[in-house]
Amino acid sequence: MSQTLFQPPSRPVPEGKITFEQFLEWLDEETHAEWVEGEVRVMSPVSDAHADLNDLLRAIVRLFVEEKGLGMVRSEPFLIRLGEGMPAYSPDLFFVSIPRLHLMRSNFFDGAPDLVVEIISPESRARDRGEKFENYEKAGVREYWLIDPERRRAEFYHLGEDGFYEPMPVDEQGVVRSVELPGLWLKVSWFWQKPLPNVMDVLREWGLV
C-alpha cells in the first residue's frame, strides 16, 4: 500500500486560541489537524508502515462491524470532539455503536466513541500514551487500542467500573478479544508481519467468508 502523503494546510494556521466552531470553519478536507486546549495542532505525515497497518485495521474492523450490524467505523482525518471543553482529536480509527449514532455530525462525532485505535508514530508516542490516554479515559471511551509498529508493542485497555482503564488480557497464543466488538479477536503478531495479513485471510479466520 502506498505511503500517505503530507498535505500542508492550504491556509495559514491560526495563532493563539480559537473556539471549536472557528476551528471547524478554518479546517478543510485536505488538512489533518486536531484542536487541543483551544489551539490548532497540525498532524505530521505518517510512515508507510503506519499507513499500511491503518489500512488493514480499517478494512477488517469496518467489515466486521458491517457484517454484524453493530454501528459505524470512521478513520482519520474524521474528528471526534470528546465533550464540551475537551479536545477534538482525529484518531486512526474509531467505532460507534448503534445506540450512540445520534451523536454523529456531518463533519465530527460529538462525544466519546465506544472504541478508539491509535497507531503510534515516534512523534506521537508521548501524546498517545499520555495526553490522549488520559483524555479518552476521562471522556469515557470504553476501549482503547495503542499499537506501536516501531517498538512492536501493542496495548489494549477497557474502561473499568471505576472509570479507569484496565489492561485487556492477551492469551498464550497472543490473541486479544475485543469487549466492545463481541466476537472480534486479533493476533498481535499480525501487526508485525511483513507483508501484513491479507484482509480476506483475516475474514476467513473470523468465519465471515
Protein backbone atom coordinates (compact mmCIF):
# COMPACT_ATOMS: atom_id res chain seq x y z
CA MET A 1 0.00 0.00 0.00
CA SER A 2 1.27 3.45 -0.81
CA GLN A 3 2.55 5.92 1.73
CA THR A 4 0.17 8.61 2.95
CA LEU A 5 1.28 11.95 1.54
CA PHE A 6 1.55 15.03 3.73
CA GLN A 7 -0.70 17.89 2.71
CA PRO A 8 0.27 21.20 4.33
CA PRO A 9 -2.63 23.44 5.35
CA SER A 10 -4.00 25.41 2.41
CA ARG A 11 -4.42 28.43 4.72
CA PRO A 12 -2.23 29.86 7.49
CA VAL A 13 -2.61 28.07 10.81
CA PRO A 14 -4.48 30.30 13.30
CA GLU A 15 -2.28 31.71 16.03
CA GLY A 16 -3.34 31.59 19.66
CA LYS A 17 -6.58 30.16 20.96
CA ILE A 18 -9.73 29.78 18.88
CA THR A 19 -13.12 28.21 19.52
CA PHE A 20 -14.07 24.77 18.24
CA GLU A 21 -16.51 26.42 15.83
CA GLN A 22 -13.73 28.66 14.48
CA PHE A 23 -11.52 25.59 14.13
CA LEU A 24 -14.17 23.83 12.02
CA GLU A 25 -14.54 26.93 9.85
CA TRP A 26 -10.78 27.03 9.27
CA LEU A 27 -10.37 23.30 8.66
CA ASP A 28 -10.66 21.89 5.15
CA GLU A 29 -10.82 18.36 3.77
CA GLU A 30 -7.14 18.37 2.80
CA THR A 31 -5.84 19.29 6.25
CA HIS A 32 -5.25 16.77 9.03
CA ALA A 33 -5.37 18.71 12.29
CA GLU A 34 -6.63 18.46 15.87
CA TRP A 35 -7.95 21.06 18.33
CA VAL A 36 -6.38 20.89 21.79
CA GLU A 37 -6.82 23.44 24.58
CA GLY A 38 -8.12 25.95 22.03
CA GLU A 39 -5.12 25.66 19.74
CA VAL A 40 -4.69 24.04 16.33
CA ARG A 41 -2.35 21.06 16.14
CA VAL A 42 -1.41 20.16 12.55
CA MET A 43 -0.55 16.48 12.32
CA SER A 44 2.73 15.23 10.87
CA PRO A 45 2.95 12.81 7.94
CA VAL A 46 2.99 9.11 8.76
CA SER A 47 5.28 6.31 7.62
CA ASP A 48 4.40 3.68 5.04
CA ALA A 49 4.26 1.03 7.81
CA HIS A 50 1.83 3.19 9.79
CA ALA A 51 -0.41 3.77 6.76
CA ASP A 52 -0.30 0.08 5.81
CA LEU A 53 -1.36 -1.09 9.28
CA ASN A 54 -4.05 1.58 9.45
CA ASP A 55 -5.47 0.41 6.12
CA LEU A 56 -5.59 -3.20 7.35
CA LEU A 57 -7.32 -2.37 10.62
CA ARG A 58 -9.76 -0.03 8.94
CA ALA A 59 -10.73 -2.70 6.43
CA ILE A 60 -11.16 -5.65 8.80
CA VAL A 61 -12.85 -3.75 11.63
CA ARG A 62 -15.24 -2.00 9.28
CA LEU A 63 -16.19 -5.23 7.52
CA PHE A 64 -16.73 -6.96 10.87
CA VAL A 65 -18.94 -4.13 12.14
CA GLU A 66 -20.96 -4.02 8.92
CA GLU A 67 -21.42 -7.80 8.83
CA LYS A 68 -22.61 -7.87 12.45
CA GLY A 69 -24.69 -4.70 12.13
CA LEU A 70 -23.03 -3.14 15.18
CA GLY A 71 -22.71 0.51 14.22
CA MET A 72 -20.27 2.69 12.32
CA VAL A 73 -16.49 2.89 11.81
CA ARG A 74 -14.63 6.07 10.88
CA SER A 75 -10.94 6.84 10.43
CA GLU A 76 -8.60 9.80 10.16
CA PRO A 77 -8.98 12.64 9.38
CA PHE A 78 -12.58 12.44 10.71
CA LEU A 79 -12.78 14.27 14.05
CA ILE A 80 -14.18 13.39 17.44
CA ARG A 81 -14.93 16.11 19.99
CA LEU A 82 -14.74 14.25 23.26
CA GLY A 83 -17.06 16.60 25.11
CA GLU A 84 -17.78 20.22 25.90
CA GLY A 85 -14.48 21.92 26.65
CA MET A 86 -12.48 18.80 25.76
CA PRO A 87 -10.13 18.30 22.80
CA ALA A 88 -11.14 17.32 19.28
CA TYR A 89 -8.91 14.50 18.07
CA SER A 90 -8.56 12.66 14.79
CA PRO A 91 -7.73 9.07 15.77
CA ASP A 92 -6.53 6.49 13.31
CA LEU A 93 -9.76 4.55 13.76
CA PHE A 94 -12.87 4.63 15.93
CA PHE A 95 -16.11 2.69 16.35
CA VAL A 96 -19.53 4.00 17.41
CA SER A 97 -22.29 1.60 18.44
CA ILE A 98 -25.85 1.95 17.12
CA PRO A 99 -27.31 3.47 20.33
CA ARG A 100 -24.82 6.35 20.06
CA LEU A 101 -25.07 7.12 16.34
CA HIS A 102 -27.28 10.12 17.12
CA LEU A 103 -24.09 11.90 18.21
CA MET A 104 -22.67 11.75 14.68
CA ARG A 105 -22.48 15.13 12.95
CA SER A 106 -21.71 15.88 9.31
CA ASN A 107 -18.01 16.53 9.98
CA PHE A 108 -17.30 15.26 13.51
CA PHE A 109 -18.52 12.88 16.21
CA ASP A 110 -19.74 14.79 19.23
CA GLY A 111 -18.84 12.57 22.17
CA ALA A 112 -16.73 9.61 23.24
CA PRO A 113 -16.66 6.67 20.79
CA ASP A 114 -17.04 3.10 22.06
CA LEU A 115 -13.60 2.17 20.69
CA VAL A 116 -10.58 4.23 19.63
CA VAL A 117 -7.44 2.94 17.92
CA GLU A 118 -4.22 4.96 17.79
CA ILE A 119 -1.23 3.71 15.78
CA ILE A 120 1.81 5.26 17.41
CA SER A 121 4.40 7.20 15.44
CA PRO A 122 7.69 8.29 17.05
CA GLU A 123 6.48 11.90 17.26
CA SER A 124 3.08 10.95 18.70
CA ARG A 125 4.22 8.40 21.29
CA ALA A 126 4.10 10.74 24.29
CA ARG A 127 0.71 12.17 23.31
CA ASP A 128 -0.92 8.82 22.53
CA ARG A 129 0.26 7.18 25.74
CA GLY A 130 -0.09 10.28 27.94
CA GLU A 131 -2.39 13.14 26.98
CA LYS A 132 -4.74 11.15 24.76
CA PHE A 133 -4.81 8.17 27.13
CA GLU A 134 -5.95 10.45 29.95
CA ASN A 135 -8.50 12.34 27.86
CA TYR A 136 -10.01 9.21 26.30
CA GLU A 137 -10.30 7.72 29.77
CA LYS A 138 -11.82 10.90 31.23
CA ALA A 139 -14.32 11.21 28.36
CA GLY A 140 -15.46 7.61 28.72
CA VAL A 141 -14.04 5.92 25.62
CA ARG A 142 -14.75 2.36 26.64
CA GLU A 143 -11.97 0.59 24.73
CA TYR A 144 -8.58 1.94 23.62
CA TRP A 145 -6.00 0.16 21.46
CA LEU A 146 -2.43 1.50 21.27
CA ILE A 147 -0.26 -0.07 18.58
CA ASP A 148 3.41 0.85 18.18
CA PRO A 149 4.85 -0.71 14.97
CA GLU A 150 8.37 0.63 15.53
CA ARG A 151 8.67 -0.95 19.00
CA ARG A 152 6.43 -3.92 18.16
CA ARG A 153 4.32 -3.19 21.18
CA ALA A 154 0.53 -3.34 21.43
CA GLU A 155 -1.59 -2.40 24.42
CA PHE A 156 -5.34 -2.84 24.84
CA TYR A 157 -7.42 -1.18 27.53
CA HIS A 158 -11.05 -1.34 28.66
CA LEU A 159 -12.77 1.15 30.94
CA GLY A 160 -13.43 -0.33 34.36
CA GLU A 161 -16.45 0.32 36.56
CA ASP A 162 -14.33 2.82 38.49
CA GLY A 163 -13.82 4.91 35.33
CA PHE A 164 -10.15 3.97 34.88
CA TYR A 165 -8.57 1.92 32.12
CA GLU A 166 -7.67 -1.67 32.86
CA PRO A 167 -5.37 -3.73 30.59
CA MET A 168 -7.17 -6.30 28.46
CA PRO A 169 -5.69 -9.80 28.56
CA VAL A 170 -3.67 -11.24 25.70
CA ASP A 171 -3.74 -15.05 25.88
CA GLU A 172 -0.88 -17.52 25.48
CA GLN A 173 -1.47 -17.63 21.72
CA GLY A 174 -1.07 -13.86 21.52
CA VAL A 175 -4.77 -13.27 20.91
CA VAL A 176 -6.76 -10.34 22.31
CA ARG A 177 -10.56 -10.27 22.24
CA SER A 178 -12.48 -7.03 21.98
CA VAL A 179 -15.09 -6.26 24.63
CA GLU A 180 -16.97 -3.57 22.71
CA LEU A 181 -16.97 -5.64 19.50
CA PRO A 182 -18.06 -9.08 20.74
CA GLY A 183 -16.62 -11.84 18.60
CA LEU A 184 -13.77 -9.79 17.18
CA TRP A 185 -10.32 -11.09 18.05
CA LEU A 186 -6.84 -10.18 16.84
CA LYS A 187 -3.50 -11.93 16.80
CA VAL A 188 -0.95 -9.38 17.97
CA SER A 189 1.63 -10.99 15.67
CA TRP A 190 -0.43 -9.83 12.68
CA PHE A 191 0.70 -6.26 13.34
CA TRP A 192 4.39 -7.09 12.82
CA GLN A 193 4.08 -9.39 9.81
CA LYS A 194 5.78 -8.40 6.57
CA PRO A 195 3.75 -8.23 4.48
CA LEU A 196 0.71 -7.70 6.68
CA PRO A 197 -2.03 -10.34 6.57
CA ASN A 198 -4.39 -10.33 3.63
CA VAL A 199 -7.79 -8.88 4.52
CA MET A 200 -9.63 -11.91 3.11
CA ASP A 201 -7.41 -14.29 5.12
CA VAL A 202 -8.38 -12.48 8.33
CA LEU A 203 -12.06 -12.61 7.42
CA ARG A 204 -11.74 -16.35 6.75
CA GLU A 205 -10.19 -16.88 10.20
CA TRP A 206 -13.13 -15.00 11.67
CA GLY A 207 -15.55 -17.17 9.71
CA LEU A 208 -17.07 -14.20 7.87
CA VAL A 209 -16.34 -15.55 4.38
